[in-house]
Amino acid sequence: MLTQRPRGTEDILPGDSEKWHYIEEMARSLCRLYGYREIRTPIFEHTELFQRGVGDTTDIVEKEMYTFLDRSERSLTLRPEGTAPVVRAFLEHRLYSGMLPVKLFYLGPMFRYGRPQAGRLRQFHQFGVEVFGSRDPSLDAEVISLAMDYYQRLGLKGLELHINSVGCPSCRSLHREKLKSYLKDKLKAFCTTCQDRFERNPLRIFDCKSPECQKLLKGAPTITSSLCPDCSQHFKEVLRYLKELDIPYLLDENLVRGLDYYTNTAFEIVAPGLGAQSSIGGGGRYDGLVEACGGPSIPGIGFGLGLERTLLALEAQNKEIKVDSGIEVVVATVGEGLETAALKLLSLLREHNIAADKDYLGRSLKAQMKYAHRYPARLVIILGQEELARGQATVRNLKTGEQKEVPWEDLVAFCQQAKERGE
């Protein structure tokens, strides 16, 4: 029986992998413009990192982590999100000892166990940024601007920025008592998960996906009504900067995000028309996370954007990513005894950074031309015994159908000029 890929994973095949290259390179080039540098962390970490960093009352830690014991009985977890590993690396390598703020970005796979559906896989990919060392609300606006700029450059339209403030520990302590008082008489009607969170982290109840629990939450006091003066002023400044940058937003007082480490600014980016999985990215500020992971008191902010969901949003809006095969020239042969000449020509073309290939199945010239069209290539160089004896080769332009004989020593220059002209 044929072994198939695990449920909740996808094979990214040629034709699609080029689309991934495009959106990943867009992320890299944009981060260069904003002054962010790439960091790559391990795919698995010690489990305690996520328990301490993400929060043991979150769905991720409670239900979704891929955790296992290695041969030394150490508990390891495939990374379910990108922020905690970056914080760990930031501390382990003492990046805080240099110039602040430190601006980092990452691209890579994450892993969460859940019910697979469109845009929500068990292995999924994120583009994320993290900035450490400043509480300036203009930095919050920059991080949000970078995320929106990324989607705009990809061509997505009609996105909604949902934003809220989840305050600081002092705000949440006050809100916790208000919320518990409001929910106390209604608690038995909530799901068992919400009942459990009532004592441990009642704010997390706002993150419940149950429609019944959401109905029961209507009228509940929100964290926004409990913001202290400092948090309230910070949030007002963030919103003011967003207006200055002409970034529209929707104030969503029930938005708390799914991770315990957030403080102050929290945001999500929604692509209407994607159904239940309409959120394609989000993030926020986490001023206590570095300290919670054993480091000094250093503020931070960042986001994580889902790349599968980004591609789904592009598809839903009929935004086509042009896929280039990468091959510019196909070398075809007519007759016997030309393999050595063809291989030497391929080597010469590649040496001069011209992407080239040839037929390896002994097809007829007609079949080789079909092969070149399917790539598709720009040019076909046809090698024949008579032409080679004269030091010539025939070059055919697949777009125009025109062909001409070119001296062997001029083939590279001819192909380079055609490439520059876009032929």
Protein backbone atom coordinates (compact mmCIF):
# COMPACT_ATOMS: atom_id res chain seq x y z
CA MET A 1 0.00 0.00 0.00
CA LEU A 2 1.28 3.46 -0.96
CA THR A 3 2.34 5.57 2.03
CA GLN A 4 0.67 8.99 1.97
CA ARG A 5 1.59 12.24 3.67
CA PRO A 6 0.36 12.73 7.26
CA ARG A 7 -3.07 14.32 7.68
CA GLY A 8 -2.88 18.08 7.98
CA THR A 9 0.29 18.45 5.87
CA GLU A 10 0.75 19.43 2.23
CA ASP A 11 3.29 18.72 -0.50
CA ILE A 12 4.32 21.94 -2.25
CA LEU A 13 4.94 20.87 -5.83
CA PRO A 14 6.71 22.59 -8.75
CA GLY A 15 4.34 25.21 -10.11
CA ASP A 16 3.25 26.05 -6.56
CA SER A 17 6.70 26.24 -4.96
CA GLU A 18 7.50 29.22 -7.21
CA LYS A 19 4.49 31.04 -5.70
CA TRP A 20 5.95 30.38 -2.26
CA HIS A 21 9.31 31.76 -3.43
CA TYR A 22 7.54 34.91 -4.59
CA ILE A 23 5.68 35.66 -1.33
CA GLU A 24 8.73 34.73 0.77
CA GLU A 25 11.03 36.98 -1.23
CA MET A 26 8.47 39.76 -0.97
CA ALA A 27 8.72 39.39 2.83
CA ARG A 28 12.53 39.43 2.76
CA SER A 29 12.79 42.46 0.48
CA LEU A 30 10.22 44.40 2.52
CA CYS A 31 12.01 43.64 5.79
CA ARG A 32 15.23 44.98 4.29
CA LEU A 33 13.40 48.27 3.59
CA TYR A 34 12.22 48.46 7.21
CA GLY A 35 15.58 47.51 8.75
CA TYR A 36 14.71 43.98 9.94
CA ARG A 37 17.27 41.15 9.81
CA GLU A 38 16.51 37.44 9.45
CA ILE A 39 16.76 34.96 12.32
CA ARG A 40 16.36 31.18 12.04
CA THR A 41 15.53 29.16 15.14
CA PRO A 42 15.27 25.36 15.61
CA ILE A 43 12.05 23.63 14.60
CA PHE A 44 11.82 22.08 18.10
CA GLU A 45 12.46 23.61 21.51
CA HIS A 46 12.25 22.54 25.15
CA THR A 47 8.56 22.24 26.04
CA GLU A 48 8.88 24.54 29.06
CA LEU A 49 9.66 27.47 26.73
CA PHE A 50 6.12 27.40 25.33
CA GLN A 51 4.52 26.62 28.68
CA ARG A 52 6.16 29.70 30.19
CA GLY A 53 6.08 31.93 27.12
CA VAL A 54 2.82 31.13 25.36
CA GLY A 55 0.82 30.41 28.52
CA ASP A 56 -0.60 27.19 29.97
CA THR A 57 -4.21 28.42 29.66
CA THR A 58 -4.01 28.87 25.88
CA ASP A 59 -5.50 26.42 23.37
CA ILE A 60 -2.01 26.00 21.91
CA VAL A 61 -0.48 24.63 25.12
CA GLU A 62 -3.59 22.82 26.34
CA LYS A 63 -4.63 21.10 23.11
CA GLU A 64 -2.44 21.71 20.08
CA MET A 65 1.26 21.13 20.75
CA TYR A 66 3.26 18.28 19.24
CA THR A 67 5.24 17.24 22.33
CA PHE A 68 7.49 14.20 22.68
CA LEU A 69 10.28 12.74 24.82
CA ASP A 70 13.69 12.28 23.23
CA ARG A 71 15.97 9.35 24.06
CA SER A 72 17.23 11.17 27.15
CA GLU A 73 13.64 11.60 28.41
CA ARG A 74 13.70 15.36 27.76
CA SER A 75 10.37 16.90 26.77
CA LEU A 76 10.61 18.65 23.41
CA THR A 77 7.94 20.39 21.33
CA LEU A 78 7.72 21.22 17.64
CA ARG A 79 7.39 24.99 17.60
CA PRO A 80 3.71 26.00 17.48
CA GLU A 81 4.50 29.71 17.03
CA GLY A 82 7.53 31.87 16.34
CA THR A 83 7.77 34.50 19.07
CA ALA A 84 8.87 32.41 22.06
CA PRO A 85 11.79 30.79 20.14
CA VAL A 86 12.98 34.21 18.95
CA VAL A 87 12.83 35.52 22.54
CA ARG A 88 14.85 32.50 23.70
CA ALA A 89 17.49 33.15 21.00
CA PHE A 90 17.50 36.88 21.84
CA LEU A 91 18.34 36.03 25.46
CA GLU A 92 20.67 33.09 24.86
CA HIS A 93 22.87 35.10 22.50
CA ARG A 94 22.59 38.31 24.54
CA LEU A 95 21.39 40.34 21.57
CA TYR A 96 20.11 42.89 24.09
CA SER A 97 23.70 43.86 24.95
CA GLY A 98 24.07 45.65 21.61
CA MET A 99 22.19 48.55 20.07
CA LEU A 100 18.45 48.67 20.73
CA PRO A 101 15.92 48.20 19.35
CA VAL A 102 16.72 44.81 17.82
CA LYS A 103 14.53 44.21 14.75
CA LEU A 104 14.24 40.60 13.53
CA PHE A 105 12.13 38.61 11.07
CA TYR A 106 11.61 34.91 10.38
CA LEU A 107 10.07 32.58 7.82
CA GLY A 108 9.35 28.93 8.47
CA PRO A 109 7.07 26.05 9.41
CA MET A 110 5.05 25.83 12.64
CA PHE A 111 3.14 22.84 14.02
CA ARG A 112 -0.21 22.60 15.80
CA TYR A 113 -2.51 19.64 16.23
CA GLY A 114 -6.02 20.62 15.20
CA ARG A 115 -8.77 19.71 12.78
CA PRO A 116 -7.31 20.32 9.30
CA GLN A 117 -9.24 22.66 7.02
CA ALA A 118 -8.53 25.12 4.22
CA GLY A 119 -5.78 27.47 5.36
CA ARG A 120 -5.42 25.72 8.73
CA LEU A 121 -2.99 22.82 8.55
CA ARG A 122 -1.06 20.91 11.20
CA GLN A 123 2.17 22.00 9.55
CA PHE A 124 1.78 25.59 8.43
CA HIS A 125 4.13 28.43 7.58
CA GLN A 126 4.52 31.93 8.97
CA PHE A 127 6.25 35.19 8.14
CA GLY A 128 6.84 37.03 11.39
CA VAL A 129 8.71 39.99 12.85
CA GLU A 130 9.81 40.74 16.40
CA VAL A 131 11.21 44.01 17.78
CA PHE A 132 12.83 44.28 21.22
CA GLY A 133 13.78 47.35 23.24
CA SER A 134 11.15 50.06 22.83
CA ARG A 135 7.64 50.88 24.09
CA ASP A 136 7.25 53.79 21.66
CA PRO A 137 3.69 53.62 20.23
CA SER A 138 5.07 54.71 16.86
CA LEU A 139 6.87 51.34 16.78
CA ASP A 140 3.51 49.59 17.21
CA ALA A 141 2.28 51.57 14.20
CA GLU A 142 5.38 50.62 12.20
CA VAL A 143 4.92 46.91 12.88
CA ILE A 144 1.26 47.09 11.83
CA SER A 145 2.22 49.18 8.80
CA LEU A 146 4.78 46.56 7.74
CA ALA A 147 2.15 43.82 7.85
CA MET A 148 -0.37 45.86 5.87
CA ASP A 149 2.34 46.96 3.41
CA TYR A 150 3.22 43.31 2.78
CA TYR A 151 -0.34 42.41 1.85
CA GLN A 152 -0.73 45.55 -0.25
CA ARG A 153 2.42 44.79 -2.26
CA LEU A 154 1.08 41.30 -2.93
CA GLY A 155 -2.05 42.93 -4.36
CA LEU A 156 -4.61 42.07 -1.68
CA LYS A 157 -7.46 44.52 -1.23
CA GLY A 158 -10.33 45.04 1.20
CA LEU A 159 -8.45 43.76 4.25
CA GLU A 160 -9.69 44.75 7.69
CA LEU A 161 -7.35 45.67 10.54
CA HIS A 162 -8.97 44.77 13.89
CA ILE A 163 -7.24 46.32 16.88
CA ASN A 164 -7.60 46.47 20.66
CA SER A 165 -5.56 47.07 23.79
CA VAL A 166 -5.31 44.26 26.35
CA GLY A 167 -3.62 46.57 28.85
CA CYS A 168 -0.93 45.70 31.37
CA PRO A 169 -1.00 43.30 34.36
CA SER A 170 -2.52 46.05 36.57
CA CYS A 171 -5.33 46.68 34.05
CA ARG A 172 -6.02 42.98 33.71
CA SER A 173 -6.14 42.48 37.47
CA LEU A 174 -8.92 45.09 37.73
CA HIS A 175 -10.70 43.70 34.69
CA ARG A 176 -10.39 40.15 36.02
CA GLU A 177 -12.46 41.02 39.10
CA LYS A 178 -15.09 42.87 37.05
CA LEU A 179 -15.36 40.00 34.58
CA LYS A 180 -15.55 37.28 37.23
CA SER A 181 -18.29 39.18 39.03
CA TYR A 182 -20.27 39.50 35.78
CA LEU A 183 -19.82 35.85 34.75
CA LYS A 184 -20.28 34.20 38.14
CA ASP A 185 -24.03 33.61 37.86
CA LYS A 186 -23.78 32.56 34.19
CA LEU A 187 -20.80 30.23 34.51
CA LYS A 188 -22.71 26.93 34.42
CA ALA A 189 -23.99 27.77 30.91
CA PHE A 190 -20.46 28.11 29.53
CA CYS A 191 -18.45 25.24 28.03
CA THR A 192 -16.16 23.23 30.31
CA THR A 193 -13.05 24.93 28.86
CA CYS A 194 -14.40 28.38 29.74
CA GLN A 195 -15.39 27.16 33.20
CA ASP A 196 -11.82 26.01 33.74
CA ARG A 197 -10.44 29.33 32.49
CA PHE A 198 -12.74 31.26 34.83
CA GLU A 199 -10.35 30.75 37.74
CA ARG A 200 -7.05 30.58 35.89
CA ASN A 201 -7.42 33.29 33.23
CA PRO A 202 -10.95 34.66 32.69
CA LEU A 203 -9.79 37.02 29.91
CA ARG A 204 -9.09 33.90 27.85
CA ILE A 205 -12.86 33.22 27.78
CA PHE A 206 -13.17 35.96 25.15
CA ASP A 207 -11.06 33.75 22.87
CA CYS A 208 -13.55 30.85 23.00
CA LYS A 209 -14.83 29.83 19.55
CA SER A 210 -18.16 28.44 20.83
CA PRO A 211 -21.11 30.49 19.46
CA GLU A 212 -23.04 29.83 22.68
CA CYS A 213 -20.21 31.16 24.85
CA GLN A 214 -19.89 34.21 22.62
CA LYS A 215 -23.61 34.95 23.09
CA LEU A 216 -23.21 34.70 26.85
CA LEU A 217 -20.31 37.17 26.71
CA LYS A 218 -22.42 39.94 25.20
CA GLY A 219 -22.55 42.79 27.68
CA ALA A 220 -19.54 41.53 29.64
CA PRO A 221 -17.05 44.23 30.73
CA THR A 222 -14.19 44.49 28.25
CA ILE A 223 -10.54 45.07 29.06
CA THR A 224 -10.71 48.44 27.27
CA SER A 225 -12.98 49.80 30.01
CA SER A 226 -10.34 48.93 32.64
CA LEU A 227 -7.24 50.45 31.02
CA CYS A 228 -4.99 52.43 33.35
CA PRO A 229 -4.03 55.99 32.30
CA ASP A 230 -0.66 54.90 30.84
CA CYS A 231 -2.16 52.06 28.77
CA SER A 232 -5.05 54.23 27.65
CA GLN A 233 -2.65 56.96 26.48
CA HIS A 234 -0.43 54.42 24.73
CA PHE A 235 -3.39 53.03 22.81
CA LYS A 236 -4.60 56.50 21.82
CA GLU A 237 -1.13 57.26 20.45
CA VAL A 238 -1.04 54.03 18.43
CA LEU A 239 -4.42 54.86 16.87
CA ARG A 240 -3.26 58.40 16.16
CA TYR A 241 -0.17 57.13 14.31
CA LEU A 242 -2.30 54.71 12.28
CA LYS A 243 -4.48 57.63 11.19
CA GLU A 244 -1.39 59.62 10.24
CA LEU A 245 -0.27 56.67 8.09
CA ASP A 246 -3.75 56.43 6.49
CA ILE A 247 -4.23 52.88 7.78
CA PRO A 248 -7.94 52.32 8.52
CA TYR A 249 -8.83 50.12 11.50
CA LEU A 250 -11.79 48.63 13.35
CA LEU A 251 -11.81 48.87 17.15
CA ASP A 252 -12.62 45.37 18.44
CA GLU A 253 -12.94 45.41 22.24
CA ASN A 254 -13.36 41.61 22.41
CA LEU A 255 -10.08 40.94 20.61
CA VAL A 256 -7.62 39.33 23.03
CA ARG A 257 -5.58 37.08 20.70
CA GLY A 258 -4.85 33.45 21.53
CA LEU A 259 -1.61 33.87 23.47
CA ASP A 260 -1.11 34.89 27.11
CA TYR A 261 1.98 37.02 26.55
CA TYR A 262 0.26 39.99 24.90
CA THR A 263 0.15 43.42 26.59
CA ASN A 264 -1.29 46.68 25.29
CA THR A 265 -1.67 46.56 21.50
CA ALA A 266 -3.27 43.46 19.98
CA PHE A 267 -4.36 43.24 16.34
CA GLU A 268 -5.61 40.87 13.67
CA ILE A 269 -5.81 41.26 9.89
CA VAL A 270 -8.94 39.80 8.33
CA ALA A 271 -9.62 38.96 4.69
CA PRO A 272 -13.42 38.93 4.19
CA GLY A 273 -14.65 36.07 2.04
CA LEU A 274 -12.44 33.32 3.46
CA GLY A 275 -15.15 31.91 5.71
CA ALA A 276 -14.38 30.77 9.24
CA GLN A 277 -10.64 31.17 8.73
CA SER A 278 -10.79 34.82 7.67
CA SER A 279 -7.93 35.94 9.92
CA ILE A 280 -4.74 35.79 7.87
CA GLY A 281 -2.37 37.27 10.43
CA GLY A 282 -2.02 39.17 13.65
CA GLY A 283 0.20 40.17 16.51
CA GLY A 284 0.75 42.65 19.28
CA ARG A 285 2.93 43.91 22.08
CA TYR A 286 4.41 41.60 24.74
CA ASP A 287 6.31 43.78 27.21
CA GLY A 288 6.58 41.09 29.89
CA LEU A 289 7.57 38.09 27.78
CA VAL A 290 11.35 38.57 27.80
CA GLU A 291 11.31 38.80 31.59
CA ALA A 292 8.98 35.78 31.87
CA CYS A 293 11.52 33.77 29.87
CA GLY A 294 14.29 34.59 32.34
CA GLY A 295 15.69 37.80 30.86
CA PRO A 296 15.76 41.47 31.80
CA SER A 297 12.70 43.72 31.55
CA ILE A 298 12.78 44.50 27.84
CA PRO A 299 9.61 45.36 25.87
CA GLY A 300 8.73 43.68 22.61
CA ILE A 301 6.22 43.68 19.78
CA GLY A 302 5.68 41.56 16.68
CA PHE A 303 3.34 39.70 14.36
CA GLY A 304 2.90 36.35 12.63
CA LEU A 305 1.27 36.13 9.19
CA GLY A 306 0.02 32.79 7.85
CA LEU A 307 1.45 32.09 4.41
CA GLU A 308 -1.09 29.39 3.48
CA ARG A 309 -3.89 31.81 4.33
CA THR A 310 -2.14 34.56 2.37
CA LEU A 311 -2.11 32.33 -0.72
CA LEU A 312 -5.79 31.47 -0.15
CA ALA A 313 -6.64 35.18 0.06
CA LEU A 314 -4.74 35.85 -3.18
CA GLU A 315 -6.61 33.02 -4.88
CA ALA A 316 -9.97 34.25 -3.55
CA GLN A 317 -9.28 37.70 -5.03
CA ASN A 318 -8.08 36.19 -8.34
CA LYS A 319 -4.60 37.66 -7.86
CA GLU A 320 -2.38 35.57 -10.10
CA ILE A 321 1.26 35.00 -9.23
CA LYS A 322 3.11 34.49 -12.48
CA VAL A 323 5.22 31.34 -12.27
CA ASP A 324 8.47 31.35 -14.20
CA SER A 325 9.97 27.94 -14.98
CA GLY A 326 13.40 29.52 -14.73
CA ILE A 327 14.63 27.83 -17.90
CA GLU A 328 15.58 30.26 -20.64
CA VAL A 329 17.17 27.94 -23.21
CA VAL A 330 16.60 24.34 -24.27
CA VAL A 331 19.35 22.65 -26.28
CA ALA A 332 17.93 20.24 -28.88
CA THR A 333 19.85 17.79 -31.06
CA VAL A 334 19.16 16.40 -34.56
CA GLY A 335 20.87 13.11 -35.31
CA GLU A 336 23.39 10.90 -33.53
CA GLY A 337 26.68 11.70 -31.81
CA LEU A 338 25.75 15.17 -30.55
CA GLU A 339 25.42 14.47 -26.81
CA THR A 340 28.92 15.68 -25.96
CA ALA A 341 28.44 18.94 -27.84
CA ALA A 342 25.04 19.47 -26.18
CA LEU A 343 26.47 18.89 -22.67
CA LYS A 344 29.38 21.26 -23.34
CA LEU A 345 26.98 23.94 -24.56
CA LEU A 346 24.77 23.48 -21.47
CA SER A 347 27.82 23.89 -19.24
CA LEU A 348 28.89 27.03 -21.13
CA LEU A 349 25.44 28.63 -20.88
CA ARG A 350 25.12 27.87 -17.16
CA GLU A 351 28.63 29.20 -16.55
CA HIS A 352 27.34 32.54 -17.85
CA ASN A 353 24.20 32.42 -15.64
CA ILE A 354 21.83 31.38 -18.40
CA ALA A 355 19.35 28.74 -17.18
CA ALA A 356 19.42 25.88 -19.68
CA ASP A 357 18.33 22.25 -20.07
CA LYS A 358 18.15 19.50 -22.68
CA ASP A 359 16.27 16.31 -23.53
CA TYR A 360 17.62 13.14 -21.90
CA LEU A 361 15.23 10.59 -23.44
CA GLY A 362 16.39 10.54 -27.07
CA ARG A 363 13.20 12.17 -28.38
CA SER A 364 12.66 13.34 -31.93
CA LEU A 365 13.20 17.01 -32.77
CA LYS A 366 9.43 17.54 -32.87
CA ALA A 367 9.09 16.02 -29.37
CA GLN A 368 12.03 18.10 -28.12
CA MET A 369 10.30 21.26 -29.35
CA LYS A 370 7.13 20.28 -27.46
CA TYR A 371 9.30 19.68 -24.40
CA ALA A 372 10.73 23.21 -24.73
CA HIS A 373 7.24 24.73 -25.11
CA ARG A 374 5.98 22.95 -21.98
CA TYR A 375 8.76 24.40 -19.81
CA PRO A 376 8.24 27.08 -21.28
CA ALA A 377 11.65 28.23 -22.53
CA ARG A 378 12.42 31.39 -24.48
CA LEU A 379 14.89 29.96 -26.97
CA VAL A 380 15.80 26.59 -28.44
CA ILE A 381 19.33 26.01 -29.73
CA ILE A 382 19.24 23.24 -32.32
CA LEU A 383 22.47 21.31 -32.87
CA GLY A 384 22.93 19.39 -36.12
CA GLN A 385 25.97 17.68 -37.64
CA GLU A 386 26.16 19.96 -40.70
CA GLU A 387 25.77 23.16 -38.70
CA LEU A 388 28.39 22.05 -36.16
CA ALA A 389 30.82 21.25 -38.96
CA ARG A 390 30.47 24.90 -40.05
CA GLY A 391 30.81 26.12 -36.43
CA GLN A 392 27.14 27.19 -36.35
CA ALA A 393 23.92 26.38 -34.47
CA THR A 394 20.29 27.25 -35.20
CA VAL A 395 18.50 29.37 -32.58
CA ARG A 396 14.68 29.49 -32.58
CA ASN A 397 12.64 32.08 -30.68
CA LEU A 398 9.64 30.15 -29.29
CA LYS A 399 7.56 33.30 -28.90
CA THR A 400 7.93 34.65 -32.45
CA GLY A 401 8.85 31.43 -34.29
CA GLU A 402 11.81 33.19 -35.89
CA GLN A 403 15.09 31.31 -36.21
CA LYS A 404 18.59 32.04 -37.45
CA GLU A 405 22.02 30.49 -37.56
CA VAL A 406 24.44 31.85 -34.98
CA PRO A 407 28.20 31.16 -34.80
CA TRP A 408 29.11 28.85 -31.91
CA GLU A 409 31.34 31.48 -30.30
CA ASP A 410 28.46 34.01 -30.33
CA LEU A 411 25.76 31.77 -28.79
CA VAL A 412 26.23 32.97 -25.21
CA ALA A 413 26.14 36.65 -26.18
CA PHE A 414 23.09 36.05 -28.41
CA CYS A 415 21.20 34.39 -25.53
CA GLN A 416 22.21 37.11 -23.06
CA GLN A 417 20.97 39.85 -25.42
CA ALA A 418 17.66 38.03 -25.95
CA LYS A 419 17.29 37.74 -22.17
CA GLU A 420 17.91 41.48 -21.70
CA ARG A 421 15.31 42.27 -24.36
CA GLY A 422 12.82 39.94 -22.62
CA GLU A 423 12.54 37.70 -25.68
